[in-house]
């Protein structure tokens, strides 16, 4: 699965969340897009358990905690850390809502060990200004490929450190890379945000966007709407709002306004009661 290392010096890093990740690469044209997206919400096969989220050399406990919380939010539980900064990792274990997940996290001395049981290894990158030799896919498309691979076995999704990202040796374990298409004018994205976005794209229900909208509540009848209109206009006239000279046009405006409100049938009696009380008060 190893690929040819990038030509950039070894200590250069691929994942910089504060660099330009908007450049698109046309590397996915040969891939069949006709396959349906795997639904990770299917409980018959717990595909989410096949995903290994691998954090490489993370140093900020807040980012580690945020990443773990994102995993818990979206139903992923297999966290692996490679050479984490010991102090930061100990502090992160107290993350709200994610302490059990962090307690169960597996520690590894190298990326090779962390991904040894995975059939697919995907790295995340912001691209920036460096040249990459790996195939590069946007998050939306990459998530579809990962979803299909999860149905076959374990998949590793690698995230680099906050400061440097994944180095060339880390990348050599990846089959391809995935990026989040942020805007060039605002490139900053921390590790916790990137993990949350990637996991959301993997976890979302592909059928939700095409689901039928809920049944629309019955609207007020024309008679009820006209009753509301006349009562409201009566209040406006008695309160001195209307001008006798323009009273006719004002009534038309009020009638159009009430109809634009598209009042629900169940709300019409409540509004009528309110208006009656107001009329009674102003005499």
Foldseek 3Di string as FASTA:
>chain_A
DFDDFFPPDQQFAFAAQQFAQQDDDPQCPVPDPPDDFFACVDPVDNLLAQEEEEEEQAEALVLVLLLQQLCQVLVHQAYEYENYDVVSLVVNCPRPPRVVSSVPYHYDPDLCVVCVFAPAEEEEGSRHPGDDPFAEEELLVVLRVVRVRSVVGHYYYYWYYNHRTHGRVNNRVHRHYYYYNDDNVGRHDGNSRVSNVSSCSNRDGPCVVVDDDPDDAAFADPVLLVLLLVLVLVLCVLVPNDDPVCSVVVSVVSSVVSVVVRHGNVCSVVSSVVSVVSVVVSD
